[in-house]
Amino acid sequence: SDQTADQHLAFVKQFDSRWVGMQFDIGNHWKYGNPADWIKTLDR
């Protein structure tokens, strides 16, 4: 439950495009990490 959103961030950032981002599901990864921290990591 201590996983981060770093892999998701790297995946969407690689496209270097304003047309790719996240529709972040707050509850989906509560089992694997703190969604508040994931929100701060994924940011804009």
PDB file of all heavy atoms in Angstrom:
ATOM      1  N   SER A   1       0.813  -1.218   0.000  1.00  0.00           N
ATOM      2  CA  SER A   1       0.000   0.000   0.000  1.00  0.00           C
ATOM      3  C   SER A   1       0.848   1.270   0.000  1.00  0.00           C
ATOM      4  O   SER A   1       0.330   2.353   0.244  1.00  0.00           O
ATOM      5  CB  SER A   1      -0.915   0.006   1.234  1.00  0.00           C
ATOM      6  OG  SER A   1      -0.137  -0.023   2.426  1.00  0.00           O
ATOM      7  N   ASP A   2       2.135   1.140  -0.294  1.00  0.00           N
ATOM      8  CA  ASP A   2       3.028   2.304  -0.287  1.00  0.00           C
ATOM      9  C   ASP A   2       3.488   2.680  -1.687  1.00  0.00           C
ATOM     10  O   ASP A   2       4.505   3.356  -1.867  1.00  0.00           O
ATOM     11  CB  ASP A   2       4.238   2.031   0.612  1.00  0.00           C
ATOM     12  CG  ASP A   2       5.043   0.816   0.157  1.00  0.00           C
ATOM     13  OD1 ASP A   2       4.542   0.058  -0.710  1.00  0.00           O
ATOM     14  OD2 ASP A   2       6.163   0.618   0.670  1.00  0.00           O
ATOM     15  N   GLN A   3       2.730   2.264  -2.715  1.00  0.00           N
ATOM     16  CA  GLN A   3       3.120   2.551  -4.091  1.00  0.00           C
ATOM     17  C   GLN A   3       2.806   3.998  -4.453  1.00  0.00           C
ATOM     18  O   GLN A   3       1.934   4.636  -3.873  1.00  0.00           O
ATOM     19  CB  GLN A   3       2.418   1.584  -5.041  1.00  0.00           C
ATOM     20  CG  GLN A   3       2.782   0.125  -4.792  1.00  0.00           C
ATOM     21  CD  GLN A   3       2.145  -0.824  -5.782  1.00  0.00           C
ATOM     22  OE1 GLN A   3       2.241  -0.635  -7.010  1.00  0.00           O
ATOM     23  NE2 GLN A   3       1.499  -1.875  -5.286  1.00  0.00           N
ATOM     24  N   THR A   4       3.525   4.509  -5.447  1.00  0.00           N
ATOM     25  CA  THR A   4       3.364   5.895  -5.879  1.00  0.00           C
ATOM     26  C   THR A   4       2.777   5.949  -7.292  1.00  0.00           C
ATOM     27  O   THR A   4       2.628   4.917  -7.961  1.00  0.00           O
ATOM     28  CB  THR A   4       4.710   6.624  -5.888  1.00  0.00           C
ATOM     29  OG1 THR A   4       5.521   6.102  -6.980  1.00  0.00           O
ATOM     30  CG2 THR A   4       5.446   6.419  -4.562  1.00  0.00           C
ATOM     31  N   ALA A   5       2.481   7.150  -7.742  1.00  0.00           N
ATOM     32  CA  ALA A   5       1.938   7.363  -9.090  1.00  0.00           C
ATOM     33  C   ALA A   5       3.038   7.650 -10.106  1.00  0.00           C
ATOM     34  O   ALA A   5       2.747   8.090 -11.222  1.00  0.00           O
ATOM     35  CB  ALA A   5       0.941   8.524  -9.069  1.00  0.00           C
ATOM     36  N   ASP A   6       4.283   7.393  -9.745  1.00  0.00           N
ATOM     37  CA  ASP A   6       5.402   7.769 -10.614  1.00  0.00           C
ATOM     38  C   ASP A   6       5.313   7.124 -11.994  1.00  0.00           C
ATOM     39  O   ASP A   6       5.620   7.764 -13.011  1.00  0.00           O
ATOM     40  CB  ASP A   6       6.726   7.397  -9.956  1.00  0.00           C
ATOM     41  CG  ASP A   6       7.026   8.241  -8.727  1.00  0.00           C
ATOM     42  OD1 ASP A   6       6.316   9.249  -8.511  1.00  0.00           O
ATOM     43  OD2 ASP A   6       7.965   7.892  -7.976  1.00  0.00           O
ATOM     44  N   GLN A   7       4.900   5.853 -12.054  1.00  0.00           N
ATOM     45  CA  GLN A   7       4.834   5.177 -13.356  1.00  0.00           C
ATOM     46  C   GLN A   7       3.731   5.767 -14.232  1.00  0.00           C
ATOM     47  O   GLN A   7       3.914   5.926 -15.445  1.00  0.00           O
ATOM     48  CB  GLN A   7       4.592   3.678 -13.156  1.00  0.00           C
ATOM     49  CG  GLN A   7       5.756   2.931 -12.535  1.00  0.00           C
ATOM     50  CD  GLN A   7       5.499   1.435 -12.490  1.00  0.00           C
ATOM     51  OE1 GLN A   7       5.484   0.753 -13.531  1.00  0.00           O
ATOM     52  NE2 GLN A   7       5.269   0.907 -11.296  1.00  0.00           N
ATOM     53  N   HIS A   8       2.603   6.102 -13.624  1.00  0.00           N
ATOM     54  CA  HIS A   8       1.533   6.747 -14.387  1.00  0.00           C
ATOM     55  C   HIS A   8       1.987   8.109 -14.906  1.00  0.00           C
ATOM     56  O   HIS A   8       1.700   8.483 -16.049  1.00  0.00           O
ATOM     57  CB  HIS A   8       0.286   6.911 -13.522  1.00  0.00           C
ATOM     58  CG  HIS A   8      -0.491   5.643 -13.340  1.00  0.00           C
ATOM     59  ND1 HIS A   8      -0.228   4.751 -12.323  1.00  0.00           N
ATOM     60  CD2 HIS A   8      -1.535   5.116 -14.039  1.00  0.00           C
ATOM     61  CE1 HIS A   8      -1.069   3.732 -12.409  1.00  0.00           C
ATOM     62  NE2 HIS A   8      -1.872   3.925 -13.431  1.00  0.00           N
ATOM     63  N   LEU A   9       2.679   8.853 -14.062  1.00  0.00           N
ATOM     64  CA  LEU A   9       3.161  10.174 -14.472  1.00  0.00           C
ATOM     65  C   LEU A   9       4.127  10.056 -15.645  1.00  0.00           C
ATOM     66  O   LEU A   9       4.025  10.803 -16.626  1.00  0.00           O
ATOM     67  CB  LEU A   9       3.824  10.875 -13.291  1.00  0.00           C
ATOM     68  CG  LEU A   9       4.408  12.258 -13.585  1.00  0.00           C
ATOM     69  CD1 LEU A   9       3.305  13.238 -13.973  1.00  0.00           C
ATOM     70  CD2 LEU A   9       5.179  12.785 -12.375  1.00  0.00           C
ATOM     71  N   ALA A  10       5.066   9.131 -15.547  1.00  0.00           N
ATOM     72  CA  ALA A  10       6.042   8.963 -16.625  1.00  0.00           C
ATOM     73  C   ALA A  10       5.353   8.562 -17.924  1.00  0.00           C
ATOM     74  O   ALA A  10       5.748   9.007 -19.017  1.00  0.00           O
ATOM     75  CB  ALA A  10       7.083   7.911 -16.229  1.00  0.00           C
ATOM     76  N   PHE A  11       4.312   7.741 -17.809  1.00  0.00           N
ATOM     77  CA  PHE A  11       3.613   7.282 -19.014  1.00  0.00           C
ATOM     78  C   PHE A  11       2.959   8.445 -19.749  1.00  0.00           C
ATOM     79  O   PHE A  11       3.101   8.576 -20.968  1.00  0.00           O
ATOM     80  CB  PHE A  11       2.569   6.223 -18.647  1.00  0.00           C
ATOM     81  CG  PHE A  11       1.849   5.655 -19.833  1.00  0.00           C
ATOM     82  CD1 PHE A  11       2.466   4.722 -20.655  1.00  0.00           C
ATOM     83  CD2 PHE A  11       0.550   6.054 -20.142  1.00  0.00           C
ATOM     84  CE1 PHE A  11       1.800   4.191 -21.764  1.00  0.00           C
ATOM     85  CE2 PHE A  11      -0.118   5.536 -21.242  1.00  0.00           C
ATOM     86  CZ  PHE A  11       0.516   4.605 -22.052  1.00  0.00           C
ATOM     87  N   VAL A  12       2.231   9.301 -19.047  1.00  0.00           N
ATOM     88  CA  VAL A  12       1.529  10.391 -19.736  1.00  0.00           C
ATOM     89  C   VAL A  12       2.491  11.516 -20.128  1.00  0.00           C
ATOM     90  O   VAL A  12       2.271  12.189 -21.146  1.00  0.00           O
ATOM     91  CB  VAL A  12       0.359  10.933 -18.896  1.00  0.00           C
ATOM     92  CG1 VAL A  12      -0.708   9.869 -18.711  1.00  0.00           C
ATOM     93  CG2 VAL A  12       0.822  11.452 -17.542  1.00  0.00           C
ATOM     94  N   LYS A  13       3.562  11.719 -19.360  1.00  0.00           N
ATOM     95  CA  LYS A  13       4.510  12.791 -19.683  1.00  0.00           C
ATOM     96  C   LYS A  13       5.298  12.498 -20.947  1.00  0.00           C
ATOM     97  O   LYS A  13       5.727  13.430 -21.639  1.00  0.00           O
ATOM     98  CB  LYS A  13       5.472  13.028 -18.515  1.00  0.00           C
ATOM     99  CG  LYS A  13       4.881  13.804 -17.357  1.00  0.00           C
ATOM    100  CD  LYS A  13       5.927  14.127 -16.302  1.00  0.00           C
ATOM    101  CE  LYS A  13       6.932  15.147 -16.797  1.00  0.00           C
ATOM    102  NZ  LYS A  13       7.867  15.563 -15.718  1.00  0.00           N
ATOM    103  N   GLN A  14       5.513  11.225 -21.256  1.00  0.00           N
ATOM    104  CA  GLN A  14       6.363  10.876 -22.394  1.00  0.00           C
ATOM    105  C   GLN A  14       5.816  11.422 -23.711  1.00  0.00           C
ATOM    106  O   GLN A  14       6.583  11.635 -24.658  1.00  0.00           O
ATOM    107  CB  GLN A  14       6.501   9.359 -22.498  1.00  0.00           C
ATOM    108  CG  GLN A  14       5.218   8.640 -22.898  1.00  0.00           C
ATOM    109  CD  GLN A  14       5.400   7.154 -23.136  1.00  0.00           C
ATOM    110  OE1 GLN A  14       6.404   6.731 -23.720  1.00  0.00           O
ATOM    111  NE2 GLN A  14       4.438   6.355 -22.693  1.00  0.00           N
ATOM    112  N   PHE A  15       4.515  11.686 -23.785  1.00  0.00           N
ATOM    113  CA  PHE A  15       3.919  12.150 -25.034  1.00  0.00           C
ATOM    114  C   PHE A  15       4.162  13.639 -25.257  1.00  0.00           C
ATOM    115  O   PHE A  15       3.990  14.132 -26.378  1.00  0.00           O
ATOM    116  CB  PHE A  15       2.419  11.852 -25.039  1.00  0.00           C
ATOM    117  CG  PHE A  15       2.109  10.382 -24.911  1.00  0.00           C
ATOM    118  CD1 PHE A  15       1.687   9.848 -23.704  1.00  0.00           C
ATOM    119  CD2 PHE A  15       2.277   9.537 -25.998  1.00  0.00           C
ATOM    120  CE1 PHE A  15       1.410   8.499 -23.578  1.00  0.00           C
ATOM    121  CE2 PHE A  15       2.009   8.175 -25.881  1.00  0.00           C
ATOM    122  CZ  PHE A  15       1.580   7.659 -24.667  1.00  0.00           C
ATOM    123  N   ASP A  16       4.529  14.344 -24.192  1.00  0.00           N
ATOM    124  CA  ASP A  16       4.830  15.775 -24.294  1.00  0.00           C
ATOM    125  C   ASP A  16       3.714  16.504 -25.044  1.00  0.00           C
ATOM    126  O   ASP A  16       3.949  17.292 -25.953  1.00  0.00           O
ATOM    127  CB  ASP A  16       6.165  15.987 -25.003  1.00  0.00           C
ATOM    128  CG  ASP A  16       6.656  17.427 -24.881  1.00  0.00           C
ATOM    129  OD1 ASP A  16       6.290  18.103 -23.902  1.00  0.00           O
ATOM    130  OD2 ASP A  16       7.412  17.866 -25.771  1.00  0.00           O
ATOM    131  N   SER A  17       2.476  16.222 -24.642  1.00  0.00           N
ATOM    132  CA  SER A  17       1.319  16.772 -25.348  1.00  0.00           C
ATOM    133  C   SER A  17       0.252  17.191 -24.359  1.00  0.00           C
ATOM    134  O   SER A  17      -0.057  16.455 -23.413  1.00  0.00           O
ATOM    135  CB  SER A  17       0.740  15.724 -26.308  1.00  0.00           C
ATOM    136  OG  SER A  17      -0.495  16.164 -26.854  1.00  0.00           O
ATOM    137  N   ARG A  18      -0.340  18.329 -24.587  1.00  0.00           N
ATOM    138  CA  ARG A  18      -1.463  18.787 -23.760  1.00  0.00           C
ATOM    139  C   ARG A  18      -2.701  17.943 -23.979  1.00  0.00           C
ATOM    140  O   ARG A  18      -3.681  18.067 -23.256  1.00  0.00           O
ATOM    141  CB  ARG A  18      -1.780  20.249 -24.058  1.00  0.00           C
ATOM    142  CG  ARG A  18      -2.212  20.514 -25.484  1.00  0.00           C
ATOM    143  CD  ARG A  18      -2.710  21.921 -25.681  1.00  0.00           C
ATOM    144  NE  ARG A  18      -3.879  22.210 -24.872  1.00  0.00           N
ATOM    145  CZ  ARG A  18      -4.690  23.251 -25.053  1.00  0.00           C
ATOM    146  NH1 ARG A  18      -4.416  24.108 -26.027  1.00  0.00           N
ATOM    147  NH2 ARG A  18      -5.734  23.454 -24.290  1.00  0.00           N
ATOM    148  N   TRP A  19      -2.668  17.059 -24.981  1.00  0.00           N
ATOM    149  CA  TRP A  19      -3.847  16.260 -25.320  1.00  0.00           C
ATOM    150  C   TRP A  19      -3.825  14.881 -24.661  1.00  0.00           C
ATOM    151  O   TRP A  19      -4.693  14.049 -24.955  1.00  0.00           O
ATOM    152  CB  TRP A  19      -3.968  16.126 -26.845  1.00  0.00           C
ATOM    153  CG  TRP A  19      -4.093  17.466 -27.484  1.00  0.00           C
ATOM    154  CD1 TRP A  19      -3.135  18.141 -28.172  1.00  0.00           C
ATOM    155  CD2 TRP A  19      -5.231  18.332 -27.432  1.00  0.00           C
ATOM    156  NE1 TRP A  19      -3.602  19.370 -28.566  1.00  0.00           N
ATOM    157  CE2 TRP A  19      -4.880  19.517 -28.129  1.00  0.00           C
ATOM    158  CE3 TRP A  19      -6.502  18.225 -26.876  1.00  0.00           C
ATOM    159  CZ2 TRP A  19      -5.773  20.576 -28.273  1.00  0.00           C
ATOM    160  CZ3 TRP A  19      -7.386  19.280 -27.015  1.00  0.00           C
ATOM    161  CH2 TRP A  19      -7.015  20.437 -27.712  1.00  0.00           C
ATOM    162  N   VAL A  20      -2.865  14.636 -23.777  1.00  0.00           N
ATOM    163  CA  VAL A  20      -2.807  13.370 -23.036  1.00  0.00           C
ATOM    164  C   VAL A  20      -2.683  13.680 -21.550  1.00  0.00           C
ATOM    165  O   VAL A  20      -1.831  14.476 -21.142  1.00  0.00           O
ATOM    166  CB  VAL A  20      -1.618  12.492 -23.474  1.00  0.00           C
ATOM    167  CG1 VAL A  20      -1.614  11.175 -22.685  1.00  0.00           C
ATOM    168  CG2 VAL A  20      -1.679  12.215 -24.967  1.00  0.00           C
ATOM    169  N   GLY A  21      -3.541  13.067 -20.749  1.00  0.00           N
ATOM    170  CA  GLY A  21      -3.488  13.266 -19.309  1.00  0.00           C
ATOM    171  C   GLY A  21      -4.137  12.103 -18.592  1.00  0.00           C
ATOM    172  O   GLY A  21      -4.195  10.981 -19.117  1.00  0.00           O
ATOM    173  N   MET A  22      -4.640  12.369 -17.386  1.00  0.00           N
ATOM    174  CA  MET A  22      -5.243  11.334 -16.552  1.00  0.00           C
ATOM    175  C   MET A  22      -6.688  11.671 -16.215  1.00  0.00           C
ATOM    176  O   MET A  22      -7.028  12.838 -16.010  1.00  0.00           O
ATOM    177  CB  MET A  22      -4.472  11.203 -15.228  1.00  0.00           C
ATOM    178  CG  MET A  22      -3.045  10.704 -15.347  1.00  0.00           C
ATOM    179  SD  MET A  22      -2.923   8.943 -15.733  1.00  0.00           S
ATOM    180  CE  MET A  22      -3.730   8.189 -14.318  1.00  0.00           C
ATOM    181  N   GLN A  23      -7.531  10.651 -16.181  1.00  0.00           N
ATOM    182  CA  GLN A  23      -8.813  10.745 -15.496  1.00  0.00           C
ATOM    183  C   GLN A  23      -8.603   9.915 -14.234  1.00  0.00           C
ATOM    184  O   GLN A  23      -8.748   8.693 -14.240  1.00  0.00           O
ATOM    185  CB  GLN A  23      -9.977  10.229 -16.333  1.00  0.00           C
ATOM    186  CG  GLN A  23     -11.319  10.387 -15.622  1.00  0.00           C
ATOM    187  CD  GLN A  23     -12.477  10.635 -16.574  1.00  0.00           C
ATOM    188  OE1 GLN A  23     -12.323  11.236 -17.632  1.00  0.00           O
ATOM    189  NE2 GLN A  23     -13.656  10.179 -16.204  1.00  0.00           N
ATOM    190  N   PHE A  24      -8.227  10.589 -13.161  1.00  0.00           N
ATOM    191  CA  PHE A  24      -7.745   9.900 -11.972  1.00  0.00           C
ATOM    192  C   PHE A  24      -8.899   9.388 -11.133  1.00  0.00           C
ATOM    193  O   PHE A  24      -9.780  10.156 -10.735  1.00  0.00           O
ATOM    194  CB  PHE A  24      -6.864  10.843 -11.140  1.00  0.00           C
ATOM    195  CG  PHE A  24      -6.330  10.199  -9.891  1.00  0.00           C
ATOM    196  CD1 PHE A  24      -5.432   9.150  -9.974  1.00  0.00           C
ATOM    197  CD2 PHE A  24      -6.725  10.639  -8.646  1.00  0.00           C
ATOM    198  CE1 PHE A  24      -4.947   8.541  -8.837  1.00  0.00           C
ATOM    199  CE2 PHE A  24      -6.242  10.042  -7.494  1.00  0.00           C
ATOM    200  CZ  PHE A  24      -5.353   8.986  -7.588  1.00  0.00           C
ATOM    201  N   ASP A  25      -8.883   8.081 -10.876  1.00  0.00           N
ATOM    202  CA  ASP A  25      -9.900   7.463 -10.034  1.00  0.00           C
ATOM    203  C   ASP A  25      -9.391   7.435  -8.595  1.00  0.00           C
ATOM    204  O   ASP A  25      -8.434   6.732  -8.275  1.00  0.00           O
ATOM    205  CB  ASP A  25     -10.211   6.050 -10.523  1.00  0.00           C
ATOM    206  CG  ASP A  25     -11.435   5.458  -9.837  1.00  0.00           C
ATOM    207  OD1 ASP A  25     -11.457   5.443  -8.590  1.00  0.00           O
ATOM    208  OD2 ASP A  25     -12.355   4.998 -10.539  1.00  0.00           O
ATOM    209  N   ILE A  26     -10.038   8.202  -7.716  1.00  0.00           N
ATOM    210  CA  ILE A  26      -9.562   8.366  -6.350  1.00  0.00           C
ATOM    211  C   ILE A  26      -9.603   7.060  -5.571  1.00  0.00           C
ATOM    212  O   ILE A  26      -8.695   6.754  -4.805  1.00  0.00           O
ATOM    213  CB  ILE A  26     -10.394   9.456  -5.633  1.00  0.00           C
ATOM    214  CG1 ILE A  26     -10.084  10.834  -6.243  1.00  0.00           C
ATOM    215  CG2 ILE A  26     -10.110   9.471  -4.141  1.00  0.00           C
ATOM    216  CD1 ILE A  26     -10.930  11.957  -5.670  1.00  0.00           C
ATOM    217  N   GLY A  27     -10.652   6.239  -5.780  1.00  0.00           N
ATOM    218  CA  GLY A  27     -10.796   5.030  -4.986  1.00  0.00           C
ATOM    219  C   GLY A  27     -10.049   3.824  -5.520  1.00  0.00           C
ATOM    220  O   GLY A  27      -9.741   2.902  -4.767  1.00  0.00           O
ATOM    221  N   ASN A  28      -9.728   3.822  -6.816  1.00  0.00           N
ATOM    222  CA  ASN A  28      -9.203   2.613  -7.436  1.00  0.00           C
ATOM    223  C   ASN A  28      -7.916   2.094  -6.795  1.00  0.00           C
ATOM    224  O   ASN A  28      -7.710   0.898  -6.697  1.00  0.00           O
ATOM    225  CB  ASN A  28      -8.963   2.838  -8.931  1.00  0.00           C
ATOM    226  CG  ASN A  28     -10.108   2.322  -9.777  1.00  0.00           C
ATOM    227  OD1 ASN A  28     -11.010   1.666  -9.279  1.00  0.00           O
ATOM    228  ND2 ASN A  28     -10.082   2.635 -11.063  1.00  0.00           N
ATOM    229  N   HIS A  29      -7.009   2.998  -6.423  1.00  0.00           N
ATOM    230  CA  HIS A  29      -5.715   2.536  -5.940  1.00  0.00           C
ATOM    231  C   HIS A  29      -5.488   2.829  -4.462  1.00  0.00           C
ATOM    232  O   HIS A  29      -4.352   2.863  -3.996  1.00  0.00           O
ATOM    233  CB  HIS A  29      -4.595   3.106  -6.811  1.00  0.00           C
ATOM    234  CG  HIS A  29      -4.436   2.364  -8.103  1.00  0.00           C
ATOM    235  ND1 HIS A  29      -5.381   2.427  -9.101  1.00  0.00           N
ATOM    236  CD2 HIS A  29      -3.490   1.505  -8.548  1.00  0.00           C
ATOM    237  CE1 HIS A  29      -5.004   1.665 -10.116  1.00  0.00           C
ATOM    238  NE2 HIS A  29      -3.869   1.081  -9.794  1.00  0.00           N
ATOM    239  N   TRP A  30      -6.574   3.028  -3.714  1.00  0.00           N
ATOM    240  CA  TRP A  30      -6.455   3.181  -2.263  1.00  0.00           C
ATOM    241  C   TRP A  30      -5.801   1.944  -1.650  1.00  0.00           C
ATOM    242  O   TRP A  30      -5.099   2.018  -0.649  1.00  0.00           O
ATOM    243  CB  TRP A  30      -7.837   3.434  -1.665  1.00  0.00           C
ATOM    244  CG  TRP A  30      -7.918   3.403  -0.162  1.00  0.00           C
ATOM    245  CD1 TRP A  30      -8.683   2.556   0.587  1.00  0.00           C
ATOM    246  CD2 TRP A  30      -7.272   4.270   0.770  1.00  0.00           C
ATOM    247  NE1 TRP A  30      -8.540   2.828   1.926  1.00  0.00           N
ATOM    248  CE2 TRP A  30      -7.669   3.880   2.070  1.00  0.00           C
ATOM    249  CE3 TRP A  30      -6.373   5.330   0.635  1.00  0.00           C
ATOM    250  CZ2 TRP A  30      -7.217   4.502   3.224  1.00  0.00           C
ATOM    251  CZ3 TRP A  30      -5.915   5.958   1.792  1.00  0.00           C
ATOM    252  CH2 TRP A  30      -6.338   5.551   3.055  1.00  0.00           C
ATOM    253  N   LYS A  31      -6.002   0.785  -2.257  1.00  0.00           N
ATOM    254  CA  LYS A  31      -5.374  -0.445  -1.770  1.00  0.00           C
ATOM    255  C   LYS A  31      -3.860  -0.385  -1.914  1.00  0.00           C
ATOM    256  O   LYS A  31      -3.129  -1.016  -1.146  1.00  0.00           O
ATOM    257  CB  LYS A  31      -5.923  -1.651  -2.532  1.00  0.00           C
ATOM    258  CG  LYS A  31      -5.310  -2.991  -2.110  1.00  0.00           C
ATOM    259  CD  LYS A  31      -5.924  -4.147  -2.869  1.00  0.00           C
ATOM    260  CE  LYS A  31      -5.294  -5.476  -2.431  1.00  0.00           C
ATOM    261  NZ  LYS A  31      -5.897  -6.633  -3.125  1.00  0.00           N
ATOM    262  N   TYR A  32      -3.380   0.384  -2.895  1.00  0.00           N
ATOM    263  CA  TYR A  32      -1.962   0.342  -3.253  1.00  0.00           C
ATOM    264  C   TYR A  32      -1.181   1.597  -2.876  1.00  0.00           C
ATOM    265  O   TYR A  32       0.048   1.611  -2.983  1.00  0.00           O
ATOM    266  CB  TYR A  32      -1.824   0.098  -4.759  1.00  0.00           C
ATOM    267  CG  TYR A  32      -2.402  -1.222  -5.192  1.00  0.00           C
ATOM    268  CD1 TYR A  32      -3.626  -1.285  -5.853  1.00  0.00           C
ATOM    269  CD2 TYR A  32      -1.736  -2.413  -4.921  1.00  0.00           C
ATOM    270  CE1 TYR A  32      -4.158  -2.503  -6.248  1.00  0.00           C
ATOM    271  CE2 TYR A  32      -2.268  -3.631  -5.311  1.00  0.00           C
ATOM    272  CZ  TYR A  32      -3.479  -3.675  -5.972  1.00  0.00           C
ATOM    273  OH  TYR A  32      -4.012  -4.891  -6.353  1.00  0.00           O
ATOM    274  N   GLY A  33      -1.853   2.650  -2.484  1.00  0.00           N
ATOM    275  CA  GLY A  33      -1.147   3.875  -2.147  1.00  0.00           C
ATOM    276  C   GLY A  33      -2.106   4.921  -1.612  1.00  0.00           C
ATOM    277  O   GLY A  33      -3.310   4.686  -1.503  1.00  0.00           O
ATOM    278  N   ASN A  34      -1.571   6.090  -1.292  1.00  0.00           N
ATOM    279  CA  ASN A  34      -2.381   7.194  -0.788  1.00  0.00           C
ATOM    280  C   ASN A  34      -2.797   8.082  -1.958  1.00  0.00           C
ATOM    281  O   ASN A  34      -1.949   8.759  -2.554  1.00  0.00           O
ATOM    282  CB  ASN A  34      -1.583   8.008   0.229  1.00  0.00           C
ATOM    283  CG  ASN A  34      -2.418   9.105   0.866  1.00  0.00           C
ATOM    284  OD1 ASN A  34      -3.456   9.498   0.345  1.00  0.00           O
ATOM    285  ND2 ASN A  34      -1.970   9.604   2.005  1.00  0.00           N
ATOM    286  N   PRO A  35      -4.087   8.086  -2.313  1.00  0.00           N
ATOM    287  CA  PRO A  35      -4.520   8.886  -3.464  1.00  0.00           C
ATOM    288  C   PRO A  35      -4.198  10.371  -3.330  1.00  0.00           C
ATOM    289  O   PRO A  35      -4.028  11.051  -4.346  1.00  0.00           O
ATOM    290  CB  PRO A  35      -6.035   8.645  -3.509  1.00  0.00           C
ATOM    291  CG  PRO A  35      -6.217   7.307  -2.873  1.00  0.00           C
ATOM    292  CD  PRO A  35      -5.192   7.263  -1.770  1.00  0.00           C
ATOM    293  N   ALA A  36      -4.127  10.898  -2.113  1.00  0.00           N
ATOM    294  CA  ALA A  36      -3.763  12.309  -1.956  1.00  0.00           C
ATOM    295  C   ALA A  36      -2.354  12.547  -2.482  1.00  0.00           C
ATOM    296  O   ALA A  36      -2.082  13.555  -3.152  1.00  0.00           O
ATOM    297  CB  ALA A  36      -3.875  12.726  -0.491  1.00  0.00           C
ATOM    298  N   ASP A  37      -1.435  11.632  -2.187  1.00  0.00           N
ATOM    299  CA  ASP A  37      -0.069  11.748  -2.704  1.00  0.00           C
ATOM    300  C   ASP A  37      -0.048  11.567  -4.215  1.00  0.00           C
ATOM    301  O   ASP A  37       0.707  12.248  -4.919  1.00  0.00           O
ATOM    302  CB  ASP A  37       0.835  10.708  -2.048  1.00  0.00           C
ATOM    303  CG  ASP A  37       1.043  10.951  -0.559  1.00  0.00           C
ATOM    304  OD1 ASP A  37       0.878  12.113  -0.124  1.00  0.00           O
ATOM    305  OD2 ASP A  37       1.357   9.988   0.163  1.00  0.00           O
ATOM    306  N   TRP A  38      -0.883  10.648  -4.721  1.00  0.00           N
ATOM    307  CA  TRP A  38      -0.946  10.441  -6.173  1.00  0.00           C
ATOM    308  C   TRP A  38      -1.460  11.697  -6.864  1.00  0.00           C
ATOM    309  O   TRP A  38      -0.980  12.065  -7.934  1.00  0.00           O
ATOM    310  CB  TRP A  38      -1.854   9.246  -6.491  1.00  0.00           C
ATOM    311  CG  TRP A  38      -1.233   7.909  -6.214  1.00  0.00           C
ATOM    312  CD1 TRP A  38      -0.443   7.569  -5.153  1.00  0.00           C
ATOM    313  CD2 TRP A  38      -1.340   6.730  -7.017  1.00  0.00           C
ATOM    314  NE1 TRP A  38      -0.069   6.253  -5.226  1.00  0.00           N
ATOM    315  CE2 TRP A  38      -0.613   5.706  -6.366  1.00  0.00           C
ATOM    316  CE3 TRP A  38      -2.009   6.425  -8.195  1.00  0.00           C
ATOM    317  CZ2 TRP A  38      -0.513   4.415  -6.876  1.00  0.00           C
ATOM    318  CZ3 TRP A  38      -1.913   5.136  -8.710  1.00  0.00           C
ATOM    319  CH2 TRP A  38      -1.175   4.142  -8.057  1.00  0.00           C
ATOM    320  N   ILE A  39      -2.444  12.361  -6.255  1.00  0.00           N
ATOM    321  CA  ILE A  39      -2.963  13.613  -6.821  1.00  0.00           C
ATOM    322  C   ILE A  39      -1.869  14.659  -6.898  1.00  0.00           C
ATOM    323  O   ILE A  39      -1.714  15.358  -7.911  1.00  0.00           O
ATOM    324  CB  ILE A  39      -4.151  14.115  -5.978  1.00  0.00           C
ATOM    325  CG1 ILE A  39      -5.379  13.219  -6.187  1.00  0.00           C
ATOM    326  CG2 ILE A  39      -4.505  15.563  -6.327  1.00  0.00           C
ATOM    327  CD1 ILE A  39      -6.490  13.453  -5.196  1.00  0.00           C
ATOM    328  N   LYS A  40      -1.064  14.773  -5.850  1.00  0.00           N
ATOM    329  CA  LYS A  40       0.019  15.764  -5.841  1.00  0.00           C
ATOM    330  C   LYS A  40       1.077  15.428  -6.881  1.00  0.00           C
ATOM    331  O   LYS A  40       1.665  16.321  -7.502  1.00  0.00           O
ATOM    332  CB  LYS A  40       0.634  15.831  -4.444  1.00  0.00           C
ATOM    333  CG  LYS A  40      -0.313  16.389  -3.382  1.00  0.00           C
ATOM    334  CD  LYS A  40       0.297  16.292  -1.993  1.00  0.00           C
ATOM    335  CE  LYS A  40      -0.674  16.759  -0.927  1.00  0.00           C
ATOM    336  NZ  LYS A  40      -0.132  16.586   0.445  1.00  0.00           N
ATOM    337  N   THR A  41       1.327  14.142  -7.076  1.00  0.00           N
ATOM    338  CA  THR A  41       2.323  13.728  -8.070  1.00  0.00           C
ATOM    339  C   THR A  41       1.830  13.996  -9.486  1.00  0.00           C
ATOM    340  O   THR A  41       2.553  14.559 -10.321  1.00  0.00           O
ATOM    341  CB  THR A  41       2.634  12.226  -7.915  1.00  0.00           C
ATOM    342  OG1 THR A  41       3.239  11.998  -6.638  1.00  0.00           O
ATOM    343  CG2 THR A  41       3.584  11.738  -9.005  1.00  0.00           C
ATOM    344  N   LEU A  42       0.606  13.609  -9.779  1.00  0.00           N
ATOM    345  CA  LEU A  42       0.057  13.761 -11.127  1.00  0.00           C
ATOM    346  C   LEU A  42      -0.290  15.211 -11.442  1.00  0.00           C
ATOM    347  O   LEU A  42      -0.292  15.613 -12.607  1.00  0.00           O
ATOM    348  CB  LEU A  42      -1.174  12.870 -11.281  1.00  0.00           C
ATOM    349  CG  LEU A  42      -0.890  11.371 -11.212  1.00  0.00           C
ATOM    350  CD1 LEU A  42      -2.194  10.580 -11.111  1.00  0.00           C
ATOM    351  CD2 LEU A  42      -0.089  10.905 -12.419  1.00  0.00           C
ATOM    352  N   ASP A  43      -0.663  15.974 -10.434  1.00  0.00           N
ATOM    353  CA  ASP A  43      -0.822  17.425 -10.520  1.00  0.00           C
ATOM    354  C   ASP A  43      -1.663  17.823 -11.736  1.00  0.00           C
ATOM    355  O   ASP A  43      -2.764  17.335 -11.923  1.00  0.00           O
ATOM    356  CB  ASP A  43       0.569  18.071 -10.539  1.00  0.00           C
ATOM    357  CG  ASP A  43       0.550  19.555 -10.268  1.00  0.00           C
ATOM    358  OD1 ASP A  43      -0.107  19.973  -9.298  1.00  0.00           O
ATOM    359  OD2 ASP A  43       1.183  20.294 -11.040  1.00  0.00           O
ATOM    360  N   ARG A  44      -1.139  18.697 -12.581  1.00  0.00           N
ATOM    361  CA  ARG A  44      -1.928  19.247 -13.682  1.00  0.00           C
ATOM    362  C   ARG A  44      -2.204  18.220 -14.784  1.00  0.00           C
ATOM    363  O   ARG A  44      -2.946  18.516 -15.721  1.00  0.00           O
ATOM    364  CB  ARG A  44      -1.243  20.469 -14.282  1.00  0.00           C
ATOM    365  CG  ARG A  44       0.075  20.186 -14.956  1.00  0.00           C
ATOM    366  CD  ARG A  44       0.695  21.444 -15.556  1.00  0.00           C
ATOM    367  NE  ARG A  44       0.976  22.417 -14.530  1.00  0.00           N
ATOM    368  CZ  ARG A  44       0.377  23.615 -14.465  1.00  0.00           C
ATOM    369  NH1 ARG A  44      -0.516  23.949 -15.350  1.00  0.00           N
ATOM    370  NH2 ARG A  44       0.703  24.458 -13.522  1.00  0.00           N
TER     371      ARG A  44
END
